[in-house]
Amino acid sequence: MRRNSSLRLTPSFSAAIVNRMVKSDTLDRTFSALADPTRRDILVHLSRGPASISQLAEPFDISLPGVLKHVRILEEANLVTSEKNGRTRECRLGPEHMDDVTRWIEVQRQRWERRLDRLEAAIERRKGEAT
């Protein structure tokens, strides 16, 4: 039986793709959670300390179940944790905060700075050639 060495069930680069997909899913969830202004306001409120669902609902014109849905989305993104204490649910910022997002934004910022530096250098070279 002849083996075809070009056929592989698992390509050697699959681990990198899976890892990128996992990171992408995490970033997608985080950015999706941050896309809503109510959820961003909830994070600002929680940055001052823990709060119950009813305390989080006070500044908004939405129901408690509506606020709870927002909190659940923030929990799925690991931005918020909540714990039921008796009849109340106390929320606080999650342990992950936004480290992944911060790192991603920093990498993108550095890329754009390098691109803009190259563009600036090219413009300066053209100015020098024109004179």
Protein backbone atom coordinates (compact mmCIF):
# COMPACT_ATOMS: atom_id res chain seq x y z
CA MET A 1 0.00 0.00 0.00
CA ARG A 2 1.41 3.31 -1.09
CA ARG A 3 1.18 6.26 1.28
CA ASN A 4 0.54 9.72 -0.03
CA SER A 5 2.71 12.02 2.04
CA SER A 6 0.85 15.12 0.86
CA LEU A 7 -2.41 14.00 2.49
CA ARG A 8 -2.64 14.91 6.14
CA LEU A 9 -5.63 14.74 8.36
CA THR A 10 -4.23 17.48 10.54
CA PRO A 11 -2.18 20.19 8.85
CA SER A 12 0.86 21.31 10.81
CA PHE A 13 -0.42 24.90 10.98
CA SER A 14 -3.82 23.99 12.46
CA ALA A 15 -2.80 24.75 16.06
CA ALA A 16 -1.96 28.33 15.10
CA ILE A 17 -5.29 28.72 13.31
CA VAL A 18 -7.25 27.28 16.22
CA ASN A 19 -5.37 29.47 18.67
CA ARG A 20 -6.08 32.54 16.51
CA MET A 21 -9.75 31.54 16.30
CA VAL A 22 -10.00 31.19 20.08
CA LYS A 23 -8.43 34.61 20.57
CA SER A 24 -10.66 36.01 17.86
CA ASP A 25 -13.77 34.60 19.55
CA THR A 26 -12.73 36.20 22.82
CA LEU A 27 -12.09 39.55 21.15
CA ASP A 28 -15.34 39.31 19.20
CA ARG A 29 -17.31 38.68 22.39
CA THR A 30 -15.57 41.55 24.16
CA PHE A 31 -16.01 44.05 21.34
CA SER A 32 -19.63 42.95 20.91
CA ALA A 33 -20.24 43.50 24.62
CA LEU A 34 -18.58 46.92 24.46
CA ALA A 35 -20.55 47.95 21.37
CA ASP A 36 -23.61 48.81 23.44
CA PRO A 37 -23.57 52.16 25.30
CA THR A 38 -25.66 50.78 28.18
CA ARG A 39 -23.11 48.02 28.79
CA ARG A 40 -20.26 50.54 28.66
CA ASP A 41 -22.11 52.65 31.24
CA ILE A 42 -22.56 49.56 33.42
CA LEU A 43 -18.78 48.97 33.28
CA VAL A 44 -18.13 52.59 34.26
CA HIS A 45 -20.53 52.21 37.19
CA LEU A 46 -18.83 48.97 38.30
CA SER A 47 -15.40 50.58 38.06
CA ARG A 48 -16.43 52.53 41.17
CA GLY A 49 -17.23 49.30 43.02
CA PRO A 50 -19.71 46.41 43.20
CA ALA A 51 -23.41 47.08 42.61
CA SER A 52 -26.67 45.16 42.58
CA ILE A 53 -28.78 44.76 39.46
CA SER A 54 -31.30 47.26 40.83
CA GLN A 55 -28.51 49.79 41.51
CA LEU A 56 -27.26 49.33 37.96
CA ALA A 57 -30.78 49.81 36.60
CA GLU A 58 -31.40 53.14 38.41
CA PRO A 59 -29.85 55.49 35.81
CA PHE A 60 -31.45 53.67 32.86
CA ASP A 61 -35.02 53.53 31.63
CA ILE A 62 -35.01 49.73 31.31
CA SER A 63 -36.44 46.88 33.34
CA LEU A 64 -34.46 44.77 35.78
CA PRO A 65 -34.62 41.78 33.39
CA GLY A 66 -33.25 44.09 30.66
CA VAL A 67 -30.30 45.09 32.85
CA LEU A 68 -29.76 41.44 33.77
CA LYS A 69 -29.50 40.58 30.05
CA HIS A 70 -26.83 43.26 29.64
CA VAL A 71 -24.97 41.91 32.67
CA ARG A 72 -25.11 38.36 31.28
CA ILE A 73 -23.56 39.53 28.00
CA LEU A 74 -20.81 41.27 29.98
CA GLU A 75 -20.32 38.05 31.98
CA GLU A 76 -19.97 36.00 28.77
CA ALA A 77 -17.18 38.38 27.74
CA ASN A 78 -15.55 37.94 31.19
CA LEU A 79 -15.85 41.65 31.84
CA VAL A 80 -18.24 41.26 34.77
CA THR A 81 -18.92 38.65 37.44
CA SER A 82 -22.07 38.38 39.49
CA GLU A 83 -23.04 36.49 42.59
CA LYS A 84 -26.45 35.91 44.06
CA ASN A 85 -26.62 36.97 47.73
CA GLY A 86 -30.08 36.23 49.10
CA ARG A 87 -32.56 38.10 46.93
CA THR A 88 -30.02 40.36 45.26
CA ARG A 89 -27.39 39.76 42.60
CA GLU A 90 -24.14 41.66 43.20
CA CYS A 91 -22.04 42.52 40.16
CA ARG A 92 -18.41 43.53 39.95
CA LEU A 93 -15.77 43.94 37.28
CA GLY A 94 -14.40 40.59 36.13
CA PRO A 95 -10.84 39.49 36.76
CA GLU A 96 -9.99 39.58 33.05
CA HIS A 97 -11.00 43.20 32.59
CA MET A 98 -9.93 44.06 29.07
CA ASP A 99 -6.36 42.76 28.89
CA ASP A 100 -6.89 40.93 25.57
CA VAL A 101 -8.54 43.96 24.01
CA THR A 102 -5.84 46.28 25.30
CA ARG A 103 -3.10 44.07 23.86
CA TRP A 104 -4.92 43.82 20.50
CA ILE A 105 -5.41 47.58 20.31
CA GLU A 106 -1.75 48.19 21.19
CA VAL A 107 -0.57 45.84 18.41
CA GLN A 108 -2.85 47.61 15.92
CA ARG A 109 -1.66 51.03 17.09
CA GLN A 110 1.99 50.02 16.62
CA ARG A 111 1.24 48.67 13.13
CA TRP A 112 -0.45 51.89 12.10
CA GLU A 113 2.35 54.00 13.55
CA ARG A 114 4.90 52.05 11.49
CA ARG A 115 2.76 52.45 8.36
CA LEU A 116 2.36 56.17 8.93
CA ASP A 117 6.09 56.54 9.59
CA ARG A 118 6.82 54.83 6.25
CA LEU A 119 4.27 57.05 4.50
CA GLU A 120 5.83 60.15 6.04
CA ALA A 121 9.30 59.03 4.92
CA ALA A 122 8.02 58.43 1.37
CA ILE A 123 6.42 61.87 1.25
CA GLU A 124 9.62 63.48 2.50
CA ARG A 125 11.64 61.62 -0.17
CA ARG A 126 9.28 62.86 -2.90
CA LYS A 127 9.52 66.41 -1.58
CA GLY A 128 13.31 66.10 -1.73
CA GLU A 129 13.19 64.78 -5.30
CA ALA A 130 10.86 67.60 -6.39
CA THR A 131 13.19 70.36 -5.22
